[in-house]
Protein backbone atom coordinates (compact mmCIF):
# COMPACT_ATOMS: atom_id res chain seq x y z
CA MET A 1 -0.12 0.08 -0.15
CA LYS A 2 1.43 3.42 -0.60
CA PHE A 3 0.33 7.23 0.13
CA LYS A 4 0.28 9.22 -2.96
CA ARG A 5 -0.56 12.69 -4.60
CA VAL A 6 -3.57 12.65 -6.63
CA GLU A 7 -1.99 14.42 -8.98
CA GLU A 8 0.11 11.80 -9.62
CA LEU A 9 -2.38 9.68 -10.44
CA GLU A 10 -2.15 8.12 -14.26
CA GLY A 11 -5.43 6.22 -13.75
CA GLY A 12 -5.84 2.29 -13.68
CA GLU A 13 -4.55 2.03 -9.70
CA SER A 14 -6.44 0.36 -7.12
CA LEU A 15 -7.40 1.77 -4.46
CA ALA A 16 -6.43 0.51 -0.99
CA LYS A 17 -8.30 2.37 1.47
CA PRO A 18 -11.86 3.91 0.81
CA ILE A 19 -12.18 7.58 0.46
CA LEU A 20 -14.64 9.07 2.80
CA LEU A 21 -16.03 12.77 2.60
CA ASP A 22 -15.97 14.98 5.67
CA ILE A 23 -19.35 13.79 6.51
CA GLY A 24 -18.23 10.63 6.92
CA THR A 25 -19.78 8.93 3.40
CA VAL A 26 -18.15 6.88 1.67
CA LEU A 27 -17.14 8.68 -1.80
CA ILE A 28 -15.35 5.61 -3.40
CA TYR A 29 -14.95 2.54 -1.91
CA GLU A 30 -12.03 0.18 -1.78
CA ASP A 31 -10.41 -1.64 -4.23
CA THR A 32 -12.35 0.75 -6.88
CA ILE A 33 -9.72 1.02 -9.98
CA LEU A 34 -8.95 4.44 -10.82
CA LYS A 35 -9.92 6.15 -13.35
CA ARG A 36 -9.17 9.53 -15.02
CA GLU A 37 -12.34 10.94 -14.67
CA TYR A 38 -12.40 9.74 -10.85
CA ILE A 39 -8.93 11.34 -10.49
CA GLU A 40 -10.36 14.58 -11.91
CA LYS A 41 -13.55 14.81 -9.24
CA LEU A 42 -10.72 14.47 -6.57
CA ILE A 43 -8.87 17.12 -7.86
CA GLU A 44 -11.60 19.37 -7.82
CA LEU A 45 -13.01 17.98 -4.39
CA GLY A 46 -9.55 19.35 -3.35
CA ILE A 47 -8.38 15.77 -2.02
CA GLU A 48 -4.98 15.82 -2.13
CA ALA A 49 -3.62 12.32 -1.43
CA VAL A 50 -5.07 8.52 -1.56
CA TYR A 51 -4.11 5.29 -0.72
CA VAL A 52 -3.58 2.68 -3.64
CA ARG A 53 -2.16 -0.26 -4.40
CA GLU A 54 1.69 -1.09 -5.20
CA GLU A 55 1.91 -2.86 -8.54
CA LYS A 56 2.27 -5.83 -6.66
CA GLU A 57 -0.26 -5.69 -4.63
CA SER A 58 -2.85 -5.09 -7.59
CA GLU A 59 -2.17 -8.69 -8.70
CA LYS A 60 -4.87 -11.02 -7.11
CA ASN A 61 -3.25 -12.24 -4.15
CA PRO A 62 -4.52 -15.08 -1.61
CA THR A 63 -6.44 -14.16 0.97
CA ILE A 64 -5.88 -15.43 4.48
CA GLU A 65 -7.79 -18.34 4.23
CA GLU A 66 -6.02 -19.46 0.98
CA GLN A 67 -2.49 -18.94 1.95
CA VAL A 68 -3.49 -20.76 5.41
CA ARG A 69 -5.23 -23.53 3.58
CA GLN A 70 -2.20 -24.21 1.21
CA GLU A 71 0.38 -23.96 4.18
CA TYR A 72 -1.37 -26.80 6.51
CA SER A 73 -3.39 -28.81 5.05
CA ASN A 74 -0.55 -31.21 4.01
CA LYS A 75 0.42 -31.04 7.40
CA VAL A 76 -2.92 -32.22 8.75
CA LYS A 77 -3.43 -34.51 5.80
CA GLU A 78 0.02 -36.24 6.95
CA LEU A 79 -1.04 -36.49 11.01
CA LEU A 80 -4.36 -37.92 10.81
CA GLU A 81 -3.19 -40.56 7.57
CA HIS A 82 -0.58 -41.77 10.50
CA HIS A 83 -3.17 -41.49 13.38
CA ILE A 84 -4.57 -44.79 14.62
CA HIS A 85 -7.93 -44.88 16.34
CA ASN A 86 -6.47 -46.16 19.31
CA ASN A 87 -3.25 -44.69 19.57
CA ASN A 88 -3.58 -40.83 19.93
CA GLY A 89 -0.08 -39.64 19.92
CA VAL A 90 0.01 -38.26 16.55
CA ILE A 91 -3.34 -36.84 16.32
CA GLY A 92 -2.02 -34.19 19.58
CA LYS A 93 0.27 -32.97 17.46
CA LEU A 94 -3.04 -31.15 15.46
CA GLN A 95 -3.16 -29.01 18.88
CA GLY A 96 -0.22 -27.61 17.37
CA VAL A 97 -0.95 -26.90 14.09
CA ALA A 98 -4.55 -25.47 15.41
CA GLN A 99 -2.49 -22.78 17.35
CA LYS A 100 -0.21 -21.88 14.28
CA ILE A 101 -3.41 -21.39 12.68
CA PHE A 102 -5.18 -18.95 15.21
CA ASP A 103 -1.61 -17.25 15.28
CA GLU A 104 -1.40 -16.70 11.63
CA VAL A 105 -5.12 -15.08 11.76
CA ILE A 106 -4.96 -12.95 15.06
CA GLU A 107 -1.72 -11.69 13.57
CA GLN A 108 -3.25 -10.02 10.06
CA GLU A 109 -4.05 -6.52 10.44
CA GLU A 110 -7.15 -5.47 11.50
CA VAL A 111 -8.26 -8.81 11.51
CA ILE A 112 -11.69 -7.40 13.12
CA ASP A 113 -12.83 -5.01 9.77
CA CYS A 114 -11.46 -7.53 7.13
CA VAL A 115 -13.64 -9.03 4.19
CA ILE A 116 -12.32 -12.22 2.46
CA GLU A 117 -12.92 -13.90 -0.91
CA ILE A 118 -13.76 -17.83 -0.56
CA HIS A 119 -14.03 -19.01 -4.02
CA GLU A 120 -15.70 -22.76 -4.86
CA ARG A 121 -12.93 -25.16 -5.50
CA SER A 122 -12.79 -29.61 -5.03
CA ALA A 123 -11.46 -30.26 -1.77
CA ASP A 124 -10.42 -33.26 0.63
CA ILE A 125 -11.50 -33.08 4.40
CA TYR A 126 -8.17 -31.73 4.74
CA GLU A 127 -8.53 -28.64 2.76
CA HIS A 128 -12.06 -28.46 4.09
CA SER A 129 -10.83 -28.85 7.76
CA VAL A 130 -8.30 -26.12 7.84
CA SER A 131 -10.32 -23.73 6.04
CA VAL A 132 -13.40 -23.95 8.48
CA CYS A 133 -10.94 -23.57 11.19
CA VAL A 134 -9.66 -20.12 9.70
CA LEU A 135 -13.35 -19.28 9.06
CA SER A 136 -14.19 -19.89 12.46
CA VAL A 137 -11.57 -18.35 14.35
CA LEU A 138 -12.64 -15.45 12.22
CA THR A 139 -15.82 -15.55 13.15
CA ALA A 140 -15.05 -16.20 16.72
CA LEU A 141 -13.11 -12.97 17.24
CA LYS A 142 -15.80 -11.10 14.76
CA ILE A 143 -18.48 -12.18 16.96
CA GLY A 144 -16.33 -10.97 20.95
CA ILE A 145 -15.34 -14.39 21.98
CA ALA A 146 -12.51 -14.26 24.14
CA GLU A 147 -8.91 -15.41 22.55
CA SER A 148 -8.69 -18.44 24.96
CA VAL A 149 -12.23 -19.57 23.94
CA ALA A 150 -10.90 -18.65 20.33
CA LYS A 151 -8.18 -20.96 20.22
CA GLU A 152 -10.27 -23.66 22.05
CA ILE A 153 -12.78 -23.33 18.80
CA ALA A 154 -9.74 -23.43 16.67
CA VAL A 155 -8.50 -27.09 17.90
CA GLY A 156 -12.51 -27.86 17.73
CA SER A 157 -13.05 -26.80 13.88
CA LEU A 158 -9.75 -28.58 12.91
CA LEU A 159 -10.73 -32.00 14.26
CA HIS A 160 -14.29 -31.41 13.43
CA ASP A 161 -14.74 -33.95 10.73
CA ILE A 162 -12.04 -36.51 11.90
CA GLY A 163 -14.81 -38.83 11.75
CA MET A 164 -14.95 -39.12 8.08
CA ARG A 165 -11.64 -41.59 8.10
CA TYR A 166 -13.92 -44.06 9.82
CA ILE A 167 -16.91 -44.01 7.28
CA ASP A 168 -16.86 -46.38 4.22
CA THR A 169 -19.26 -43.91 2.42
CA GLU A 170 -18.64 -41.91 -0.76
CA PHE A 171 -19.54 -38.33 0.37
CA ILE A 172 -17.66 -35.91 -2.32
CA ASP A 173 -19.88 -34.18 -4.54
CA ARG A 174 -23.14 -36.17 -3.43
CA GLU A 175 -25.94 -35.11 -1.92
CA ILE A 176 -27.33 -37.35 1.12
CA SER A 177 -30.34 -37.57 -0.73
CA GLU A 178 -28.82 -39.64 -3.29
CA MET A 179 -27.15 -42.04 -0.53
CA THR A 180 -28.98 -45.26 0.48
CA SER A 181 -30.59 -45.27 3.83
CA THR A 182 -27.47 -47.35 4.85
CA GLN A 183 -25.26 -45.14 3.85
CA VAL A 184 -27.09 -42.00 5.49
CA ALA A 185 -27.00 -43.55 8.60
CA GLU A 186 -22.85 -44.37 8.43
CA TYR A 187 -22.70 -40.90 7.37
CA LYS A 188 -24.84 -39.36 10.06
CA LYS A 189 -22.50 -41.31 12.85
CA HIS A 190 -19.09 -39.27 11.77
CA PRO A 191 -19.29 -36.81 14.25
CA VAL A 192 -19.78 -39.83 16.98
CA TYR A 193 -16.56 -41.79 15.35
CA GLY A 194 -14.92 -38.03 15.81
CA TYR A 195 -15.82 -37.81 19.47
CA SER A 196 -15.39 -41.24 20.38
CA ALA A 197 -11.23 -40.88 18.90
CA VAL A 198 -10.66 -38.06 21.21
CA GLU A 199 -13.18 -38.74 24.25
CA LYS A 200 -10.76 -39.69 26.57
CA GLU A 201 -7.78 -37.34 25.38
CA GLU A 202 -6.85 -34.59 28.24
CA TRP A 203 -4.68 -32.84 25.69
CA ILE A 204 -8.31 -31.80 24.02
CA SER A 205 -10.95 -29.10 26.10
CA GLU A 206 -14.85 -30.42 26.68
CA VAL A 207 -15.00 -27.24 24.30
CA ALA A 208 -13.41 -28.66 21.37
CA LYS A 209 -14.75 -32.48 21.76
CA SER A 210 -17.89 -30.63 22.10
CA ILE A 211 -17.36 -28.76 18.77
CA ILE A 212 -16.74 -32.58 17.15
CA LEU A 213 -19.92 -34.30 17.92
CA SER A 214 -22.52 -31.20 17.60
CA HIS A 215 -21.23 -29.47 14.23
CA HIS A 216 -24.11 -30.83 12.84
CA GLU A 217 -26.65 -30.15 14.91
CA CYS A 218 -28.98 -27.39 14.49
CA ILE A 219 -31.14 -25.01 16.76
CA ASP A 220 -34.05 -26.07 15.67
CA GLY A 221 -33.13 -29.73 16.26
CA SER A 222 -33.02 -30.83 12.47
CA GLY A 223 -29.56 -31.61 13.05
CA PHE A 224 -27.35 -35.04 13.38
CA PRO A 225 -26.43 -37.01 15.21
CA LEU A 226 -27.86 -36.54 18.26
CA ARG A 227 -30.79 -34.01 17.07
CA THR A 228 -30.37 -31.72 20.04
CA ARG A 229 -31.33 -28.18 20.00
CA ASN A 230 -27.92 -26.96 19.40
CA ASN A 231 -28.14 -22.66 19.96
CA GLU A 232 -25.25 -22.05 21.83
CA ALA A 233 -22.39 -19.61 19.74
CA ILE A 234 -19.40 -21.54 20.73
CA ARG A 235 -20.90 -24.52 18.58
CA GLN A 236 -22.81 -22.86 16.07
CA ILE A 237 -19.87 -20.86 14.30
CA VAL A 238 -18.16 -24.37 13.36
CA ALA A 239 -21.77 -25.46 12.35
CA VAL A 240 -22.57 -22.64 10.42
CA CYS A 241 -18.64 -22.27 8.78
CA ASP A 242 -18.25 -25.84 7.96
CA ALA A 243 -22.04 -25.83 6.29
CA PHE A 244 -20.71 -22.49 4.17
CA ASP A 245 -17.32 -24.20 3.40
CA SER A 246 -19.12 -27.64 2.61
CA ILE A 247 -21.65 -26.61 -0.27
CA ILE A 248 -18.65 -24.38 -2.23
CA CYS A 249 -16.13 -27.96 -1.71
CA GLY A 250 -19.00 -30.34 -2.68
CA ILE A 251 -18.36 -32.27 0.94
CA GLY A 252 -21.70 -34.18 1.95
CA THR A 253 -23.62 -32.29 -0.89
CA LYS A 254 -23.25 -30.63 -4.64
CA GLN A 255 -20.64 -28.41 -5.00
CA LYS A 256 -22.47 -25.16 -5.37
CA LYS A 257 -21.20 -21.50 -5.93
CA VAL A 258 -20.33 -18.74 -2.89
CA HIS A 259 -23.33 -16.75 -3.59
CA GLU A 260 -25.55 -20.07 -3.01
CA ALA A 261 -23.60 -21.06 -0.33
CA ILE A 262 -24.38 -17.58 1.20
CA GLU A 263 -28.02 -17.66 0.30
CA TYR A 264 -27.75 -20.68 2.10
CA ILE A 265 -26.67 -19.53 5.48
CA ARG A 266 -28.83 -16.12 5.02
CA TYR A 267 -32.41 -18.11 4.51
CA HIS A 268 -31.25 -20.64 7.26
CA SER A 269 -30.08 -17.67 9.78
CA GLY A 270 -32.27 -18.05 13.08
CA THR A 271 -33.65 -21.20 11.96
CA LYS A 272 -31.17 -24.18 11.38
CA TYR A 273 -28.62 -21.67 12.66
CA ASN A 274 -28.19 -19.05 15.26
CA LYS A 275 -29.20 -15.78 14.11
CA GLU A 276 -25.98 -13.55 15.39
CA VAL A 277 -23.58 -16.08 14.12
CA CYS A 278 -25.06 -15.87 10.86
CA GLU A 279 -24.97 -12.15 10.40
CA THR A 280 -21.62 -12.25 11.82
CA PHE A 281 -19.87 -15.11 9.12
CA LEU A 282 -21.79 -13.14 6.38
CA GLU A 283 -20.22 -9.76 7.00
CA PHE A 284 -17.41 -10.89 5.95
CA ILE A 285 -17.76 -13.04 3.26
CA ILE A 286 -17.45 -10.92 -0.35
CA LEU A 287 -20.72 -12.16 -2.33
CA TYR A 288 -19.14 -12.07 -5.67
CA PRO A 289 -15.17 -12.68 -5.70
CA ASN A 290 -13.00 -10.69 -8.07
CA GLY A 291 -12.48 -12.76 -10.93
CA THR A 292 -16.66 -13.89 -11.15
CA LYS A 293 -18.05 -13.93 -14.67
CA VAL A 294 -21.66 -12.63 -14.36
CA ILE A 295 -24.95 -12.26 -16.44
CA LEU A 296 -26.37 -8.82 -15.86
CA ASN A 297 -30.06 -7.95 -16.20
CA ASP A 298 -29.82 -6.74 -19.92
CA GLY A 299 -27.88 -9.56 -21.11
CA ARG A 300 -24.89 -8.51 -20.63
CA LYS A 301 -21.74 -10.38 -19.48
CA ALA A 302 -19.19 -8.72 -17.12
CA THR A 303 -16.34 -9.80 -14.86
CA ILE A 304 -16.07 -8.81 -10.93
CA ILE A 305 -12.74 -6.48 -10.37
CA GLY A 306 -13.34 -4.76 -7.46
CA GLN A 307 -15.71 -4.69 -4.28
CA ASN A 308 -17.71 -2.38 -1.86
CA ARG A 309 -17.26 -3.53 1.09
CA TYR A 310 -20.92 -2.16 2.69
CA LEU A 311 -22.90 -3.17 0.13
CA LYS A 312 -21.45 -6.49 -1.68
CA GLU A 313 -24.10 -6.56 -4.15
CA ARG A 314 -22.93 -4.20 -5.83
CA PRO A 315 -19.45 -4.71 -7.05
CA VAL A 316 -17.20 -2.96 -9.69
CA ILE A 317 -17.59 -4.88 -13.12
CA LYS A 318 -15.58 -5.10 -16.09
CA LEU A 319 -18.26 -5.60 -19.57
CA MET A 320 -16.62 -8.45 -21.26
CA GLU A 321 -18.11 -6.75 -24.64
CA ASN A 322 -16.12 -3.08 -24.30
CA GLU A 323 -13.71 -3.31 -20.99
CA GLU A 324 -15.92 -0.52 -19.90
CA ILE A 325 -15.43 -0.69 -16.38
CA ILE A 326 -19.21 0.33 -14.26
CA ASP A 327 -19.28 0.96 -10.24
CA MET A 328 -22.64 -0.79 -9.65
CA MET A 329 -22.60 1.46 -6.71
CA LYS A 330 -23.34 4.66 -8.92
CA VAL A 331 -25.33 2.65 -11.76
CA ASN A 332 -28.55 1.95 -9.79
CA THR A 333 -30.44 0.18 -13.61
CA ILE A 334 -27.53 -3.05 -13.67
CA PHE A 335 -27.82 -5.92 -11.67
CA ILE A 336 -26.74 -9.37 -11.42
CA GLU A 337 -28.48 -11.92 -12.44
CA GLU A 338 -26.66 -15.16 -12.37
CA THR A 339 -22.95 -16.27 -12.19
CA LEU A 340 -21.23 -18.05 -14.98
C-alpha cells in the first residue's frame, strides 16, 4: 500500500482504502480501479492524496484463508493419515497446528474489520478442515469471543471432520438424498466416530470435543447425530462455517457457487443456525469474488474486478464486450442475474 498524491495518479490504480467525505459518506470504495474522471473529481474536491495498492498488490493475492489452507493442509493430512483410532500420540500434534493457524489469523492487520474472498473449489477433508478452522476463528473474534475460547474453537474446528476417516461412504460432491438409507446412517455417524477418537484425551478441551460431536446439530433439532437443539454460539460458529465451506467444496452435498452457499446460510439464519453467528459470518464473506463471471439483467456479461465492502451485492465490474468499467454503486439500473 502506498500513500500517493492525487496529481501523480495516472489512472488504473487500485484504491487501497476508501475515500471518505467530511461527513463520513464513502465517496469511492476500497478496491475501486481509479479512472481519469475519478481523479479529476478528486482534484475538484480538493482531495490531495489517497492510498493505492502498489503494483504487486494489485495482482490477485491469496486471501488469509487461502494462504493458511495451502500452508497447513498437507501437514494435517500427514498427521491424520498416521493416526490410528486407539493410538492418539500423533493426533495430539494437531493441537499445535491449530495454535499456528490461530496465530496466523490473529496476526492479520485489522482482522476484525477484514472481508475475504472465498472461491468454490474441489477439496478433500483436510483442506476443508483447515478452511473451516480459519473461518471459525475469524467469526469467533468478530463476534467478540475471548481469545482463550477462540483457541479451543480452533482445535475443535480443525478436528471437526476427523470422523470422516472412519466411514465407508462416498460423500464428495454427493447429496445425502442420493445415498441409500444404510449409507446415510453411516455418514451421519461421523461426528460420533470423531468424538470417540478423542473422548478420553486430556490434551483436548471439552469445548473442542463438543464441537466435534455437535457440528451438524441445528437450533431447531433437525441436525445429527443427536438431533439436539444446539443454539450455543461457540458450537454454532463451526456449524455455520462447516455448512458454508461444505457447499462450496462439495462435501456431503453437491458443489455449488459461493453466492448459493451465502444464500443457504442467509435463508437458514435464525431457523437452523444461530442468527447472530450467521450475521457475523456473512459480514466478512464477499458475495461475488474478484474474477467471477456474471450475467447482468440486460443480458450483458461482465467480470467482477472490485468490491464495495459496504454493499457487497454491488461490486465493480468490467464488461466483456468493450471492457468498460462500471461501479454498480453508481448505476442503479444494473443488477447481477446469475454467475457463469
